[in-house]
């Protein structure tokens, strides 16, 4: 009994210490991602954790912190890895939840679906589909007509392959993304855009004027402005307002198909 009590006390001390080093904004981001990955409303999550909906709303707004008791309930009820929840960067959440549950409940047409236990099928946005995608990404019929490519199963979320067009990311150096290469990308939900992006990182940017492949090197959170960088030194950096962006997909894997 004494040993059990000691373990519980030590665990609570660990949780308390971890919470001291995590901002309310980070907790808010992680909780939103987790809740959305389970397709739960604030009221449903609150009921499972035995708190009021307003408590969840306050935490997700960054106005209150999560309690140790709530963290313990999350671990027990939803069987999550607490260390992942507390330490992963915001861009890496949702956490290690069941892929199939998430993919079957997204509000927009999903470009990703499971085939076997260790693989998944991912839609490919080819060059010919660039123009249509900027307007058709919410259209299930458009998404369903995109070609598919099989790849190894990843953590939950929406994935797309994008075939690269142009030479703006082509450079005779360590960094080089050639025209014709494909990038496996994962969607960064808009709920994360109000927090500082973990950069520099290569993104596919679905802008109102077209699809871009750029490295985002700066993010002015207050103004909602990102600075885009090309690997090709002949192309100057430029800024984009996220209000003009429909989707952000960050690079997970670079697949070379070009010579």
Foldseek 3Di string as FASTA:
>chain_A
DVVVVVVVVVVQVVVVVLQVPDALQLLLLLVVLQCLQQPHDLQRLCVQLVHHSVVNVCSNVRNDPDDPSSLVSCCVVQVFDSCCSRDPGSQPDPDQHDQQNRQVDDPANAQWDPDDPFKIKGFECEPVCFVVCLPCRRPNVSSVPGDIDMDTDDGHAGKYKYQAADAQQADPDPGGADHRKIFIWGWDDPSCLLDWDPDQFWKFWSFLVTTDTFGFHGADNVQQKTWTHTNPPVDDIDIDRCVRTDTIITGDDIGDDDD
